[in-house]
Amino acid sequence: MANNASARKRIRQTEKRTIRNKARRSRVRGFIRKVELAIASGDQAQATEALKVAQPEMQRAVTKGVLHLNTVARKLSRLSARVKAIAAQA
């Protein structure tokens, strides 16, 4: 248990930050899910649009320190490759 004022404040700050980061991470997952659904439906226009909307959100999560830069880069790379693959199938 926190034994001084600074430690108690740290606990309060950590709780607030955790809530904020969970919301951001959840938001990013939602955008990724939309891209995944568009890819699954096979609609390239919709998938491309969903990816364009998801990309800034994912980059923002990096800026805010919620996700690591390389993690987001890897996920974006894989998603964009899958969106491009739809065109090859059609």
N, C-alpha and C. Protein backbone atom coordinates (compact mmCIF):
# COMPACT_ATOMS: atom_id res chain seq x y z
N MET A 1 0.85 -1.19 0.00
CA MET A 1 0.00 0.00 0.00
C MET A 1 0.89 1.24 0.00
N ALA A 2 0.43 2.28 -0.67
CA ALA A 2 1.20 3.52 -0.77
C ALA A 2 1.35 4.14 0.63
N ASN A 3 2.55 4.58 0.91
CA ASN A 3 2.85 5.04 2.26
C ASN A 3 3.10 6.53 2.34
N ASN A 4 3.14 7.22 1.21
CA ASN A 4 3.32 8.66 1.25
C ASN A 4 2.49 9.32 0.14
N ALA A 5 2.44 10.62 0.17
CA ALA A 5 1.55 11.36 -0.74
C ALA A 5 1.94 11.16 -2.20
N SER A 6 3.22 11.15 -2.50
CA SER A 6 3.65 11.01 -3.90
C SER A 6 3.29 9.63 -4.44
N ALA A 7 3.39 8.61 -3.60
CA ALA A 7 3.04 7.25 -4.04
C ALA A 7 1.53 7.13 -4.27
N ARG A 8 0.74 7.78 -3.39
CA ARG A 8 -0.72 7.77 -3.57
C ARG A 8 -1.10 8.47 -4.88
N LYS A 9 -0.43 9.58 -5.16
CA LYS A 9 -0.69 10.32 -6.39
C LYS A 9 -0.32 9.47 -7.60
N ARG A 10 0.79 8.77 -7.52
CA ARG A 10 1.22 7.89 -8.62
C ARG A 10 0.15 6.83 -8.91
N ILE A 11 -0.43 6.28 -7.85
CA ILE A 11 -1.48 5.27 -8.01
C ILE A 11 -2.68 5.88 -8.73
N ARG A 12 -3.08 7.08 -8.32
CA ARG A 12 -4.21 7.76 -8.98
C ARG A 12 -3.91 8.02 -10.45
N GLN A 13 -2.69 8.48 -10.73
CA GLN A 13 -2.31 8.77 -12.12
C GLN A 13 -2.30 7.50 -12.97
N THR A 14 -1.79 6.43 -12.39
CA THR A 14 -1.72 5.15 -13.11
C THR A 14 -3.11 4.64 -13.44
N GLU A 15 -4.04 4.76 -12.50
CA GLU A 15 -5.42 4.32 -12.74
C GLU A 15 -6.05 5.10 -13.89
N LYS A 16 -5.88 6.42 -13.87
CA LYS A 16 -6.44 7.25 -14.94
C LYS A 16 -5.83 6.88 -16.29
N ARG A 17 -4.51 6.73 -16.32
CA ARG A 17 -3.81 6.41 -17.55
C ARG A 17 -4.23 5.05 -18.08
N THR A 18 -4.41 4.09 -17.17
CA THR A 18 -4.81 2.74 -17.56
C THR A 18 -6.18 2.77 -18.23
N ILE A 19 -7.11 3.51 -17.67
CA ILE A 19 -8.46 3.63 -18.25
C ILE A 19 -8.38 4.26 -19.63
N ARG A 20 -7.59 5.33 -19.74
CA ARG A 20 -7.44 6.04 -21.02
C ARG A 20 -6.81 5.13 -22.07
N ASN A 21 -5.76 4.41 -21.68
CA ASN A 21 -5.07 3.53 -22.62
C ASN A 21 -5.93 2.36 -23.06
N LYS A 22 -6.74 1.82 -22.14
CA LYS A 22 -7.65 0.73 -22.50
C LYS A 22 -8.64 1.21 -23.56
N ALA A 23 -9.15 2.43 -23.36
CA ALA A 23 -10.11 2.99 -24.32
C ALA A 23 -9.45 3.17 -25.68
N ARG A 24 -8.23 3.67 -25.69
CA ARG A 24 -7.52 3.87 -26.96
C ARG A 24 -7.25 2.55 -27.66
N ARG A 25 -6.80 1.56 -26.89
CA ARG A 25 -6.49 0.25 -27.46
C ARG A 25 -7.75 -0.39 -28.02
N SER A 26 -8.85 -0.26 -27.29
CA SER A 26 -10.13 -0.81 -27.74
C SER A 26 -10.59 -0.12 -29.02
N ARG A 27 -10.41 1.18 -29.08
CA ARG A 27 -10.79 1.95 -30.27
C ARG A 27 -10.00 1.48 -31.49
N VAL A 28 -8.70 1.27 -31.31
CA VAL A 28 -7.86 0.80 -32.41
C VAL A 28 -8.31 -0.59 -32.86
N ARG A 29 -8.60 -1.46 -31.90
CA ARG A 29 -9.07 -2.81 -32.24
C ARG A 29 -10.36 -2.76 -33.05
N GLY A 30 -11.22 -1.81 -32.70
CA GLY A 30 -12.47 -1.65 -33.45
C GLY A 30 -12.23 -1.27 -34.89
N PHE A 31 -11.30 -0.36 -35.12
CA PHE A 31 -10.97 0.04 -36.49
C PHE A 31 -10.35 -1.11 -37.26
N ILE A 32 -9.49 -1.87 -36.59
CA ILE A 32 -8.87 -3.03 -37.24
C ILE A 32 -9.95 -4.06 -37.60
N ARG A 33 -10.90 -4.24 -36.70
CA ARG A 33 -12.00 -5.19 -36.93
C ARG A 33 -12.79 -4.80 -38.17
N LYS A 34 -13.02 -3.51 -38.35
CA LYS A 34 -13.76 -3.04 -39.54
C LYS A 34 -13.00 -3.38 -40.82
N VAL A 35 -11.68 -3.22 -40.79
CA VAL A 35 -10.86 -3.57 -41.95
C VAL A 35 -10.95 -5.07 -42.20
N GLU A 36 -10.84 -5.86 -41.14
CA GLU A 36 -10.91 -7.32 -41.26
C GLU A 36 -12.25 -7.75 -41.88
N LEU A 37 -13.34 -7.15 -41.42
CA LEU A 37 -14.66 -7.49 -41.96
C LEU A 37 -14.77 -7.14 -43.44
N ALA A 38 -14.22 -5.98 -43.81
CA ALA A 38 -14.25 -5.56 -45.21
C ALA A 38 -13.43 -6.52 -46.07
N ILE A 39 -12.30 -6.97 -45.54
CA ILE A 39 -11.46 -7.92 -46.28
C ILE A 39 -12.22 -9.24 -46.44
N ALA A 40 -12.86 -9.67 -45.37
CA ALA A 40 -13.60 -10.94 -45.40
C ALA A 40 -14.75 -10.89 -46.40
N SER A 41 -15.37 -9.72 -46.53
CA SER A 41 -16.49 -9.59 -47.47
C SER A 41 -16.01 -9.57 -48.92
N GLY A 42 -14.72 -9.26 -49.12
CA GLY A 42 -14.14 -9.26 -50.46
C GLY A 42 -14.35 -7.96 -51.22
N ASP A 43 -14.83 -6.93 -50.53
CA ASP A 43 -15.06 -5.63 -51.17
C ASP A 43 -13.80 -4.78 -51.02
N GLN A 44 -13.05 -4.63 -52.12
CA GLN A 44 -11.78 -3.92 -52.02
C GLN A 44 -11.96 -2.44 -51.73
N ALA A 45 -12.96 -1.81 -52.32
CA ALA A 45 -13.19 -0.38 -52.09
C ALA A 45 -13.47 -0.11 -50.62
N GLN A 46 -14.32 -0.94 -50.05
CA GLN A 46 -14.67 -0.78 -48.64
C GLN A 46 -13.46 -1.07 -47.75
N ALA A 47 -12.69 -2.09 -48.09
CA ALA A 47 -11.51 -2.44 -47.31
C ALA A 47 -10.46 -1.33 -47.36
N THR A 48 -10.27 -0.75 -48.55
CA THR A 48 -9.31 0.34 -48.70
C THR A 48 -9.73 1.54 -47.88
N GLU A 49 -11.01 1.86 -47.92
CA GLU A 49 -11.53 3.00 -47.15
C GLU A 49 -11.37 2.75 -45.65
N ALA A 50 -11.69 1.55 -45.21
CA ALA A 50 -11.56 1.20 -43.79
C ALA A 50 -10.11 1.30 -43.34
N LEU A 51 -9.18 0.87 -44.21
CA LEU A 51 -7.76 0.94 -43.88
C LEU A 51 -7.29 2.39 -43.79
N LYS A 52 -7.80 3.24 -44.69
CA LYS A 52 -7.43 4.67 -44.66
C LYS A 52 -7.88 5.33 -43.36
N VAL A 53 -9.03 4.88 -42.84
CA VAL A 53 -9.55 5.44 -41.59
C VAL A 53 -8.79 4.86 -40.40
N ALA A 54 -8.42 3.58 -40.49
CA ALA A 54 -7.76 2.90 -39.37
C ALA A 54 -6.32 3.36 -39.19
N GLN A 55 -5.65 3.67 -40.28
CA GLN A 55 -4.23 4.00 -40.21
C GLN A 55 -3.91 5.17 -39.26
N PRO A 56 -4.59 6.32 -39.39
CA PRO A 56 -4.27 7.41 -38.47
C PRO A 56 -4.56 7.07 -37.00
N GLU A 57 -5.61 6.27 -36.77
CA GLU A 57 -5.93 5.87 -35.40
C GLU A 57 -4.81 5.01 -34.82
N MET A 58 -4.30 4.12 -35.63
CA MET A 58 -3.21 3.25 -35.17
C MET A 58 -1.95 4.07 -34.91
N GLN A 59 -1.66 5.02 -35.79
CA GLN A 59 -0.49 5.87 -35.60
C GLN A 59 -0.65 6.74 -34.35
N ARG A 60 -1.87 7.18 -34.09
CA ARG A 60 -2.13 8.00 -32.91
C ARG A 60 -1.86 7.19 -31.64
N ALA A 61 -2.20 5.91 -31.67
CA ALA A 61 -1.94 5.05 -30.51
C ALA A 61 -0.44 4.95 -30.25
N VAL A 62 0.36 4.99 -31.31
CA VAL A 62 1.82 4.98 -31.15
C VAL A 62 2.26 6.28 -30.50
N THR A 63 1.73 7.40 -30.99
CA THR A 63 2.10 8.71 -30.46
C THR A 63 1.77 8.82 -28.98
N LYS A 64 0.64 8.24 -28.59
CA LYS A 64 0.20 8.31 -27.20
C LYS A 64 0.89 7.27 -26.31
N GLY A 65 1.67 6.40 -26.93
CA GLY A 65 2.41 5.42 -26.15
C GLY A 65 1.62 4.18 -25.80
N VAL A 66 0.49 3.97 -26.46
CA VAL A 66 -0.34 2.81 -26.16
C VAL A 66 0.20 1.57 -26.87
N LEU A 67 0.62 1.73 -28.10
CA LEU A 67 1.18 0.63 -28.89
C LEU A 67 2.58 0.99 -29.35
N HIS A 68 3.38 -0.03 -29.59
CA HIS A 68 4.75 0.19 -30.06
C HIS A 68 4.74 0.48 -31.56
N LEU A 69 5.67 1.31 -31.98
CA LEU A 69 5.76 1.72 -33.38
C LEU A 69 5.88 0.52 -34.32
N ASN A 70 6.76 -0.41 -34.00
CA ASN A 70 6.97 -1.57 -34.87
C ASN A 70 5.75 -2.48 -34.93
N THR A 71 5.02 -2.57 -33.82
CA THR A 71 3.81 -3.38 -33.79
C THR A 71 2.80 -2.82 -34.78
N VAL A 72 2.60 -1.52 -34.73
CA VAL A 72 1.64 -0.87 -35.62
C VAL A 72 2.11 -0.97 -37.07
N ALA A 73 3.40 -0.79 -37.30
CA ALA A 73 3.94 -0.89 -38.65
C ALA A 73 3.69 -2.29 -39.21
N ARG A 74 3.92 -3.31 -38.39
CA ARG A 74 3.71 -4.70 -38.81
C ARG A 74 2.24 -4.95 -39.13
N LYS A 75 1.35 -4.49 -38.25
CA LYS A 75 -0.08 -4.70 -38.46
C LYS A 75 -0.58 -3.98 -39.72
N LEU A 76 -0.12 -2.74 -39.91
CA LEU A 76 -0.53 -1.99 -41.10
C LEU A 76 -0.01 -2.65 -42.37
N SER A 77 1.21 -3.13 -42.32
CA SER A 77 1.80 -3.78 -43.47
C SER A 77 1.00 -5.03 -43.85
N ARG A 78 0.66 -5.84 -42.86
CA ARG A 78 -0.08 -7.07 -43.13
C ARG A 78 -1.50 -6.78 -43.62
N LEU A 79 -2.14 -5.77 -43.01
CA LEU A 79 -3.49 -5.42 -43.45
C LEU A 79 -3.49 -4.90 -44.88
N SER A 80 -2.53 -4.02 -45.20
CA SER A 80 -2.50 -3.45 -46.55
C SER A 80 -2.18 -4.53 -47.58
N ALA A 81 -1.35 -5.50 -47.21
CA ALA A 81 -1.04 -6.61 -48.13
C ALA A 81 -2.30 -7.43 -48.39
N ARG A 82 -3.10 -7.63 -47.36
CA ARG A 82 -4.34 -8.40 -47.53
C ARG A 82 -5.36 -7.64 -48.37
N VAL A 83 -5.39 -6.31 -48.20
CA VAL A 83 -6.31 -5.49 -49.02
C VAL A 83 -5.87 -5.56 -50.49
N LYS A 84 -4.56 -5.48 -50.72
CA LYS A 84 -4.06 -5.56 -52.10
C LYS A 84 -4.35 -6.93 -52.71
N ALA A 85 -4.32 -7.96 -51.88
CA ALA A 85 -4.55 -9.32 -52.36
C ALA A 85 -5.98 -9.50 -52.88
N ILE A 86 -6.91 -8.70 -52.38
CA ILE A 86 -8.30 -8.78 -52.85
C ILE A 86 -8.36 -8.43 -54.32
N ALA A 87 -7.59 -7.43 -54.73
CA ALA A 87 -7.57 -7.01 -56.13
C ALA A 87 -7.02 -8.12 -57.02
N ALA A 88 -6.04 -8.85 -56.51
CA ALA A 88 -5.45 -9.93 -57.29
C ALA A 88 -6.44 -11.07 -57.49
N GLN A 89 -7.30 -11.30 -56.50
CA GLN A 89 -8.29 -12.36 -56.56
C GLN A 89 -9.39 -12.04 -57.58
N ALA A 90 -9.74 -10.76 -57.64
CA ALA A 90 -10.88 -10.37 -58.48
C ALA A 90 -10.58 -10.37 -59.96
